[in-house]
Amino acid sequence: MPQKAPQVFGAILSLAVLVIYAVLLGAGIYNAFVNPDVTYTDNSLQAANLVTGLVGSVVAVGLALKSPPEDRDGDGRLRRNVTALSRMVAPQRASVTVQEVVGWAYLIVWLIIGLAAFLVAVTRTQVPELVFNTGWTWLGTAVVAAYSFFGIEQG
């Protein structure tokens, strides 16, 4: 097996999970407005819960990891934490640019889809279960990610 094969496979898998998350939940959010009575199969709900948990966990853990310390304030903190997230989801031997694009993609897609699902869940009277579950799961994961990002420790 070539040396780069596991890294390429890992990158493809990371991006595939992110695309599935964006498409499946983006469609669910869209349906909340167009067809709020839509029902999803148990398999669709399980898939949505799985990718929501995976993407949210990757972001929370990635933000908890620390890349080499630079500046602990402002842009330095954001860059440091996204760099750590990038190294987790992109191949280690990939260029820094590729790593950063994948890391930023994870963070931005997770924020947009999750926040949208949460806002739909709390502002609409009829919300598909898929979107409702995602919104509240995202909120819990966002709290953990914020603790990780800001380095908040209890005690």
N, C-alpha and C. Protein backbone atom coordinates (compact mmCIF):
# COMPACT_ATOMS: atom_id res chain seq x y z
N MET A 1 0.85 -1.18 0.00
CA MET A 1 0.00 0.00 0.00
C MET A 1 0.90 1.24 0.00
N PRO A 2 0.67 2.16 -0.92
CA PRO A 2 1.47 3.38 -0.95
C PRO A 2 1.33 4.16 0.36
N GLN A 3 2.38 4.92 0.69
CA GLN A 3 2.39 5.65 1.95
C GLN A 3 1.27 6.68 2.06
N LYS A 4 0.92 7.29 0.97
CA LYS A 4 -0.09 8.35 1.02
C LYS A 4 -1.52 7.82 1.01
N ALA A 5 -1.71 6.55 0.73
CA ALA A 5 -3.06 6.00 0.61
C ALA A 5 -3.90 6.22 1.87
N PRO A 6 -3.40 5.93 3.07
CA PRO A 6 -4.23 6.15 4.26
C PRO A 6 -4.59 7.63 4.45
N GLN A 7 -3.66 8.52 4.11
CA GLN A 7 -3.93 9.95 4.26
C GLN A 7 -4.98 10.41 3.26
N VAL A 8 -4.86 9.94 2.04
CA VAL A 8 -5.84 10.31 1.01
C VAL A 8 -7.21 9.75 1.39
N PHE A 9 -7.24 8.50 1.84
CA PHE A 9 -8.50 7.89 2.27
C PHE A 9 -9.10 8.68 3.43
N GLY A 10 -8.28 9.08 4.39
CA GLY A 10 -8.76 9.86 5.53
C GLY A 10 -9.34 11.20 5.11
N ALA A 11 -8.66 11.86 4.17
CA ALA A 11 -9.15 13.15 3.69
C ALA A 11 -10.47 12.99 2.95
N ILE A 12 -10.56 11.97 2.10
CA ILE A 12 -11.80 11.73 1.36
C ILE A 12 -12.94 11.40 2.32
N LEU A 13 -12.66 10.57 3.31
CA LEU A 13 -13.68 10.22 4.30
C LEU A 13 -14.13 11.45 5.09
N SER A 14 -13.18 12.29 5.51
CA SER A 14 -13.52 13.51 6.25
C SER A 14 -14.42 14.42 5.44
N LEU A 15 -14.06 14.62 4.19
CA LEU A 15 -14.86 15.49 3.33
C LEU A 15 -16.20 14.86 2.98
N ALA A 16 -16.23 13.54 2.81
CA ALA A 16 -17.49 12.86 2.50
C ALA A 16 -18.49 13.02 3.66
N VAL A 17 -18.01 12.86 4.88
CA VAL A 17 -18.89 13.03 6.04
C VAL A 17 -19.42 14.46 6.10
N LEU A 18 -18.56 15.42 5.81
CA LEU A 18 -18.98 16.82 5.83
C LEU A 18 -20.02 17.11 4.74
N VAL A 19 -19.82 16.55 3.56
CA VAL A 19 -20.78 16.74 2.46
C VAL A 19 -22.12 16.08 2.81
N ILE A 20 -22.07 14.87 3.36
CA ILE A 20 -23.31 14.19 3.76
C ILE A 20 -24.05 15.02 4.80
N TYR A 21 -23.31 15.54 5.77
CA TYR A 21 -23.89 16.40 6.81
C TYR A 21 -24.57 17.61 6.17
N ALA A 22 -23.87 18.30 5.29
CA ALA A 22 -24.41 19.51 4.67
C ALA A 22 -25.63 19.21 3.81
N VAL A 23 -25.57 18.17 3.00
CA VAL A 23 -26.67 17.86 2.09
C VAL A 23 -27.89 17.33 2.85
N LEU A 24 -27.68 16.36 3.71
CA LEU A 24 -28.80 15.75 4.44
C LEU A 24 -29.51 16.77 5.32
N LEU A 25 -28.73 17.52 6.08
CA LEU A 25 -29.34 18.46 7.00
C LEU A 25 -29.77 19.75 6.31
N GLY A 26 -29.05 20.14 5.27
CA GLY A 26 -29.49 21.29 4.49
C GLY A 26 -30.85 21.03 3.87
N ALA A 27 -31.04 19.82 3.35
CA ALA A 27 -32.34 19.44 2.78
C ALA A 27 -33.41 19.42 3.87
N GLY A 28 -33.05 18.95 5.05
CA GLY A 28 -34.01 18.93 6.16
C GLY A 28 -34.43 20.33 6.57
N ILE A 29 -33.48 21.25 6.62
CA ILE A 29 -33.79 22.64 6.98
C ILE A 29 -34.67 23.27 5.90
N TYR A 30 -34.35 23.01 4.66
CA TYR A 30 -35.17 23.50 3.54
C TYR A 30 -36.59 22.96 3.65
N ASN A 31 -36.72 21.68 3.93
CA ASN A 31 -38.04 21.06 4.06
C ASN A 31 -38.84 21.63 5.23
N ALA A 32 -38.15 22.11 6.25
CA ALA A 32 -38.85 22.70 7.39
C ALA A 32 -39.68 23.91 6.96
N PHE A 33 -39.25 24.57 5.91
CA PHE A 33 -39.99 25.72 5.39
C PHE A 33 -40.98 25.34 4.31
N VAL A 34 -40.56 24.44 3.43
CA VAL A 34 -41.36 24.09 2.26
C VAL A 34 -42.41 23.03 2.58
N ASN A 35 -42.02 22.03 3.37
CA ASN A 35 -42.91 20.91 3.66
C ASN A 35 -42.66 20.43 5.09
N PRO A 36 -43.13 21.19 6.09
CA PRO A 36 -42.82 20.83 7.48
C PRO A 36 -43.42 19.51 7.94
N ASP A 37 -44.38 18.97 7.19
CA ASP A 37 -45.00 17.69 7.55
C ASP A 37 -44.21 16.50 7.03
N VAL A 38 -43.11 16.75 6.36
CA VAL A 38 -42.33 15.66 5.78
C VAL A 38 -41.89 14.70 6.90
N THR A 39 -41.91 13.43 6.60
CA THR A 39 -41.42 12.43 7.55
C THR A 39 -40.20 11.76 6.95
N TYR A 40 -39.31 11.40 7.81
CA TYR A 40 -38.08 10.74 7.39
C TYR A 40 -38.07 9.31 7.91
N THR A 41 -37.41 8.45 7.19
CA THR A 41 -37.29 7.06 7.63
C THR A 41 -36.40 7.00 8.86
N ASP A 42 -36.51 5.91 9.59
CA ASP A 42 -35.64 5.72 10.75
C ASP A 42 -34.18 5.75 10.33
N ASN A 43 -33.88 5.18 9.17
CA ASN A 43 -32.49 5.18 8.69
C ASN A 43 -32.00 6.59 8.40
N SER A 44 -32.85 7.44 7.85
CA SER A 44 -32.46 8.83 7.60
C SER A 44 -32.19 9.56 8.91
N LEU A 45 -33.05 9.32 9.90
CA LEU A 45 -32.85 9.96 11.20
C LEU A 45 -31.56 9.48 11.85
N GLN A 46 -31.30 8.18 11.77
CA GLN A 46 -30.07 7.64 12.34
C GLN A 46 -28.84 8.20 11.63
N ALA A 47 -28.91 8.29 10.30
CA ALA A 47 -27.79 8.85 9.54
C ALA A 47 -27.56 10.30 9.91
N ALA A 48 -28.64 11.07 10.04
CA ALA A 48 -28.51 12.48 10.41
C ALA A 48 -27.92 12.62 11.81
N ASN A 49 -28.39 11.80 12.74
CA ASN A 49 -27.84 11.85 14.10
C ASN A 49 -26.37 11.46 14.11
N LEU A 50 -26.03 10.45 13.32
CA LEU A 50 -24.64 10.00 13.27
C LEU A 50 -23.72 11.09 12.72
N VAL A 51 -24.06 11.67 11.58
CA VAL A 51 -23.17 12.68 10.99
C VAL A 51 -23.18 13.96 11.83
N THR A 52 -24.30 14.28 12.47
CA THR A 52 -24.33 15.44 13.36
C THR A 52 -23.36 15.23 14.52
N GLY A 53 -23.40 14.04 15.10
CA GLY A 53 -22.48 13.73 16.19
C GLY A 53 -21.04 13.69 15.75
N LEU A 54 -20.79 13.10 14.59
CA LEU A 54 -19.41 13.02 14.08
C LEU A 54 -18.83 14.40 13.80
N VAL A 55 -19.54 15.19 13.03
CA VAL A 55 -19.02 16.51 12.67
C VAL A 55 -18.89 17.40 13.90
N GLY A 56 -19.90 17.39 14.76
CA GLY A 56 -19.83 18.19 15.98
C GLY A 56 -18.70 17.76 16.90
N SER A 57 -18.50 16.47 17.04
CA SER A 57 -17.41 15.96 17.88
C SER A 57 -16.06 16.32 17.31
N VAL A 58 -15.92 16.19 16.01
CA VAL A 58 -14.65 16.54 15.36
C VAL A 58 -14.33 18.01 15.60
N VAL A 59 -15.32 18.87 15.44
CA VAL A 59 -15.10 20.30 15.66
C VAL A 59 -14.75 20.58 17.12
N ALA A 60 -15.51 20.01 18.05
CA ALA A 60 -15.25 20.26 19.47
C ALA A 60 -13.88 19.75 19.89
N VAL A 61 -13.54 18.54 19.47
CA VAL A 61 -12.22 17.98 19.83
C VAL A 61 -11.12 18.75 19.12
N GLY A 62 -11.33 19.07 17.84
CA GLY A 62 -10.33 19.83 17.10
C GLY A 62 -10.04 21.18 17.72
N LEU A 63 -11.08 21.84 18.22
CA LEU A 63 -10.88 23.14 18.86
C LEU A 63 -10.23 22.99 20.24
N ALA A 64 -10.35 21.82 20.84
CA ALA A 64 -9.73 21.58 22.14
C ALA A 64 -8.23 21.32 22.01
N LEU A 65 -7.82 20.77 20.87
CA LEU A 65 -6.40 20.52 20.64
C LEU A 65 -5.70 21.84 20.45
N LYS A 66 -4.47 21.88 20.84
CA LYS A 66 -3.71 23.12 20.69
C LYS A 66 -2.56 22.89 19.73
N SER A 67 -2.51 23.73 18.71
CA SER A 67 -1.35 23.72 17.83
C SER A 67 -0.26 24.50 18.55
N PRO A 68 0.93 24.59 18.00
CA PRO A 68 1.98 25.34 18.69
C PRO A 68 1.49 26.73 19.08
N PRO A 69 1.73 27.13 20.33
CA PRO A 69 1.18 28.40 20.80
C PRO A 69 1.73 29.58 20.00
N GLU A 70 0.82 30.47 19.69
CA GLU A 70 1.21 31.70 19.01
C GLU A 70 0.76 32.84 19.92
N ASP A 71 -0.44 33.29 19.70
CA ASP A 71 -1.01 34.38 20.46
C ASP A 71 -2.30 33.85 21.08
N ARG A 72 -2.51 34.05 22.34
CA ARG A 72 -3.71 33.50 22.99
C ARG A 72 -4.91 34.43 22.89
N ASP A 73 -4.77 35.55 22.19
CA ASP A 73 -5.88 36.49 22.10
C ASP A 73 -6.30 36.70 20.65
N GLY A 74 -7.56 37.14 20.49
CA GLY A 74 -8.06 37.56 19.19
C GLY A 74 -7.83 36.58 18.07
N ASP A 75 -7.31 37.07 16.96
CA ASP A 75 -7.10 36.25 15.77
C ASP A 75 -6.11 35.12 16.03
N GLY A 76 -5.16 35.33 16.94
CA GLY A 76 -4.19 34.28 17.25
C GLY A 76 -4.87 33.03 17.79
N ARG A 77 -5.84 33.21 18.66
CA ARG A 77 -6.56 32.07 19.23
C ARG A 77 -7.37 31.36 18.15
N LEU A 78 -8.09 32.12 17.35
CA LEU A 78 -8.90 31.54 16.28
C LEU A 78 -8.02 30.76 15.32
N ARG A 79 -6.93 31.37 14.90
CA ARG A 79 -6.03 30.71 13.95
C ARG A 79 -5.42 29.44 14.57
N ARG A 80 -5.00 29.53 15.83
CA ARG A 80 -4.38 28.38 16.50
C ARG A 80 -5.37 27.22 16.59
N ASN A 81 -6.59 27.51 17.00
CA ASN A 81 -7.57 26.44 17.18
C ASN A 81 -8.04 25.85 15.85
N VAL A 82 -8.21 26.70 14.84
CA VAL A 82 -8.60 26.17 13.53
C VAL A 82 -7.45 25.38 12.93
N THR A 83 -6.21 25.80 13.20
CA THR A 83 -5.06 25.02 12.73
C THR A 83 -5.06 23.64 13.36
N ALA A 84 -5.36 23.57 14.65
CA ALA A 84 -5.44 22.26 15.32
C ALA A 84 -6.56 21.42 14.74
N LEU A 85 -7.71 22.03 14.48
CA LEU A 85 -8.83 21.33 13.85
C LEU A 85 -8.42 20.85 12.46
N SER A 86 -7.74 21.70 11.72
CA SER A 86 -7.30 21.36 10.35
C SER A 86 -6.39 20.15 10.35
N ARG A 87 -5.48 20.10 11.30
CA ARG A 87 -4.54 18.97 11.36
C ARG A 87 -5.25 17.67 11.71
N MET A 88 -6.39 17.80 12.35
CA MET A 88 -7.13 16.60 12.72
C MET A 88 -7.93 16.04 11.55
N VAL A 89 -8.46 16.90 10.68
CA VAL A 89 -9.34 16.43 9.61
C VAL A 89 -8.68 16.33 8.25
N ALA A 90 -7.48 16.88 8.10
CA ALA A 90 -6.79 16.82 6.81
C ALA A 90 -5.51 16.01 6.96
N PRO A 91 -5.04 15.43 5.88
CA PRO A 91 -3.81 14.64 5.95
C PRO A 91 -2.65 15.48 6.49
N GLN A 92 -1.82 14.86 7.33
CA GLN A 92 -0.70 15.57 7.94
C GLN A 92 0.32 16.04 6.91
N ARG A 93 0.45 15.32 5.84
CA ARG A 93 1.44 15.71 4.83
C ARG A 93 0.86 16.63 3.77
N ALA A 94 -0.40 16.96 3.91
CA ALA A 94 -1.01 17.90 2.95
C ALA A 94 -0.42 19.28 3.18
N SER A 95 -0.50 20.10 2.17
CA SER A 95 0.01 21.46 2.32
C SER A 95 -0.81 22.18 3.38
N VAL A 96 -0.20 23.19 3.96
CA VAL A 96 -0.88 23.97 4.99
C VAL A 96 -2.17 24.57 4.44
N THR A 97 -2.14 24.99 3.19
CA THR A 97 -3.33 25.57 2.57
C THR A 97 -4.47 24.56 2.51
N VAL A 98 -4.17 23.33 2.10
CA VAL A 98 -5.20 22.29 2.03
C VAL A 98 -5.74 22.02 3.43
N GLN A 99 -4.86 21.90 4.40
CA GLN A 99 -5.30 21.67 5.77
C GLN A 99 -6.22 22.80 6.25
N GLU A 100 -5.82 24.03 5.99
CA GLU A 100 -6.62 25.16 6.45
C GLU A 100 -7.99 25.19 5.77
N VAL A 101 -8.03 24.91 4.48
CA VAL A 101 -9.31 24.91 3.76
C VAL A 101 -10.25 23.86 4.35
N VAL A 102 -9.73 22.66 4.61
CA VAL A 102 -10.57 21.60 5.17
C VAL A 102 -11.01 21.97 6.59
N GLY A 103 -10.11 22.49 7.39
CA GLY A 103 -10.46 22.89 8.76
C GLY A 103 -11.50 23.99 8.79
N TRP A 104 -11.29 25.02 7.99
CA TRP A 104 -12.27 26.11 7.92
C TRP A 104 -13.60 25.60 7.39
N ALA A 105 -13.57 24.70 6.41
CA ALA A 105 -14.82 24.14 5.86
C ALA A 105 -15.60 23.44 6.96
N TYR A 106 -14.92 22.63 7.76
CA TYR A 106 -15.59 21.93 8.87
C TYR A 106 -16.23 22.93 9.82
N LEU A 107 -15.47 23.92 10.23
CA LEU A 107 -15.98 24.88 11.21
C LEU A 107 -17.15 25.68 10.64
N ILE A 108 -17.01 26.18 9.43
CA ILE A 108 -18.05 27.03 8.84
C ILE A 108 -19.33 26.24 8.54
N VAL A 109 -19.19 25.07 7.93
CA VAL A 109 -20.37 24.26 7.62
C VAL A 109 -21.08 23.85 8.91
N TRP A 110 -20.32 23.43 9.91
CA TRP A 110 -20.91 23.04 11.19
C TRP A 110 -21.65 24.22 11.83
N LEU A 111 -21.05 25.40 11.80
CA LEU A 111 -21.70 26.58 12.38
C LEU A 111 -22.99 26.94 11.63
N ILE A 112 -22.92 26.99 10.31
CA ILE A 112 -24.08 27.42 9.52
C ILE A 112 -25.23 26.41 9.63
N ILE A 113 -24.94 25.14 9.38
CA ILE A 113 -25.99 24.12 9.42
C ILE A 113 -26.56 24.00 10.84
N GLY A 114 -25.68 23.93 11.82
CA GLY A 114 -26.13 23.77 13.20
C GLY A 114 -26.94 24.94 13.70
N LEU A 115 -26.45 26.14 13.46
CA LEU A 115 -27.17 27.33 13.91
C LEU A 115 -28.51 27.45 13.19
N ALA A 116 -28.52 27.17 11.90
CA ALA A 116 -29.78 27.22 11.14
C ALA A 116 -30.78 26.20 11.70
N ALA A 117 -30.32 24.99 11.97
CA ALA A 117 -31.21 23.96 12.52
C ALA A 117 -31.74 24.38 13.88
N PHE A 118 -30.88 24.94 14.71
CA PHE A 118 -31.31 25.39 16.03
C PHE A 118 -32.35 26.51 15.92
N LEU A 119 -32.08 27.49 15.07
CA LEU A 119 -33.01 28.61 14.92
C LEU A 119 -34.36 28.14 14.37
N VAL A 120 -34.32 27.22 13.42
CA VAL A 120 -35.57 26.67 12.89
C VAL A 120 -36.32 25.92 14.00
N ALA A 121 -35.58 25.15 14.79
CA ALA A 121 -36.21 24.35 15.85
C ALA A 121 -36.90 25.22 16.90
N VAL A 122 -36.35 26.39 17.18
CA VAL A 122 -36.94 27.22 18.24
C VAL A 122 -37.91 28.27 17.72
N THR A 123 -37.94 28.51 16.42
CA THR A 123 -38.81 29.57 15.90
C THR A 123 -40.03 29.06 15.14
N ARG A 124 -40.04 27.81 14.76
CA ARG A 124 -41.15 27.27 13.97
C ARG A 124 -41.98 26.33 14.83
N THR A 125 -43.27 26.29 14.57
CA THR A 125 -44.14 25.41 15.35
C THR A 125 -44.08 23.98 14.87
N GLN A 126 -43.90 23.78 13.58
CA GLN A 126 -43.77 22.43 13.03
C GLN A 126 -42.38 22.29 12.42
N VAL A 127 -41.62 21.37 12.98
CA VAL A 127 -40.25 21.16 12.53
C VAL A 127 -40.04 19.66 12.36
N PRO A 128 -39.48 19.24 11.23
CA PRO A 128 -39.17 17.81 11.09
C PRO A 128 -38.24 17.35 12.21
N GLU A 129 -38.47 16.14 12.67
CA GLU A 129 -37.66 15.58 13.76
C GLU A 129 -36.17 15.65 13.46
N LEU A 130 -35.81 15.42 12.21
CA LEU A 130 -34.41 15.46 11.80
C LEU A 130 -33.79 16.81 12.12
N VAL A 131 -34.49 17.89 11.83
CA VAL A 131 -33.98 19.25 12.08
C VAL A 131 -34.02 19.57 13.57
N PHE A 132 -35.10 19.19 14.24
CA PHE A 132 -35.24 19.43 15.67
C PHE A 132 -34.08 18.80 16.45
N ASN A 133 -33.83 17.52 16.19
CA ASN A 133 -32.74 16.82 16.88
C ASN A 133 -31.40 17.46 16.59
N THR A 134 -31.16 17.80 15.34
CA THR A 134 -29.89 18.40 14.95
C THR A 134 -29.68 19.74 15.65
N GLY A 135 -30.72 20.56 15.70
CA GLY A 135 -30.60 21.87 16.33
C GLY A 135 -30.21 21.79 17.79
N TRP A 136 -30.86 20.91 18.52
CA TRP A 136 -30.56 20.81 19.95
C TRP A 136 -29.24 20.09 20.20
N THR A 137 -28.90 19.13 19.37
CA THR A 137 -27.59 18.48 19.49
C THR A 137 -26.49 19.49 19.21
N TRP A 138 -26.70 20.32 18.19
CA TRP A 138 -25.71 21.34 17.85
C TRP A 138 -25.50 22.29 19.02
N LEU A 139 -26.58 22.70 19.68
CA LEU A 139 -26.44 23.63 20.81
C LEU A 139 -25.56 23.04 21.90
N GLY A 140 -25.80 21.78 22.25
CA GLY A 140 -24.96 21.14 23.27
C GLY A 140 -23.51 21.04 22.84
N THR A 141 -23.29 20.68 21.60
CA THR A 141 -21.92 20.57 21.09
C THR A 141 -21.28 21.95 21.00
N ALA A 142 -22.05 22.98 20.67
CA ALA A 142 -21.52 24.34 20.57
C ALA A 142 -21.02 24.82 21.93
N VAL A 143 -21.72 24.45 22.99
CA VAL A 143 -21.27 24.83 24.34
C VAL A 143 -19.92 24.18 24.63
N VAL A 144 -19.80 22.89 24.32
CA VAL A 144 -18.52 22.19 24.53
C VAL A 144 -17.43 22.81 23.66
N ALA A 145 -17.75 23.11 22.41
CA ALA A 145 -16.76 23.72 21.51
C ALA A 145 -16.33 25.09 22.03
N ALA A 146 -17.25 25.86 22.59
CA ALA A 146 -16.90 27.17 23.14
C ALA A 146 -15.98 27.02 24.35
N TYR A 147 -16.28 26.07 25.21
CA TYR A 147 -15.39 25.80 26.34
C TYR A 147 -14.00 25.45 25.83
N SER A 148 -13.93 24.60 24.82
CA SER A 148 -12.65 24.19 24.25
C SER A 148 -11.93 25.37 23.61
N PHE A 149 -12.65 26.14 22.82
CA PHE A 149 -12.06 27.25 22.09
C PHE A 149 -11.45 28.28 23.04
N PHE A 150 -12.18 28.62 24.09
CA PHE A 150 -11.71 29.64 25.01
C PHE A 150 -10.85 29.08 26.14
N GLY A 151 -10.66 27.77 26.17
CA GLY A 151 -9.81 27.16 27.18
C GLY A 151 -10.39 27.28 28.58
N ILE A 152 -11.71 27.27 28.68
CA ILE A 152 -12.37 27.42 29.98
C ILE A 152 -12.26 26.10 30.74
N GLU A 153 -11.81 26.21 31.97
CA GLU A 153 -11.68 25.03 32.83
C GLU A 153 -12.54 25.23 34.06
N GLN A 154 -13.19 24.18 34.49
CA GLN A 154 -13.99 24.28 35.70
C GLN A 154 -13.10 24.07 36.91
N GLY A 155 -13.46 24.75 37.98
CA GLY A 155 -12.75 24.54 39.23
C GLY A 155 -11.72 25.50 39.47
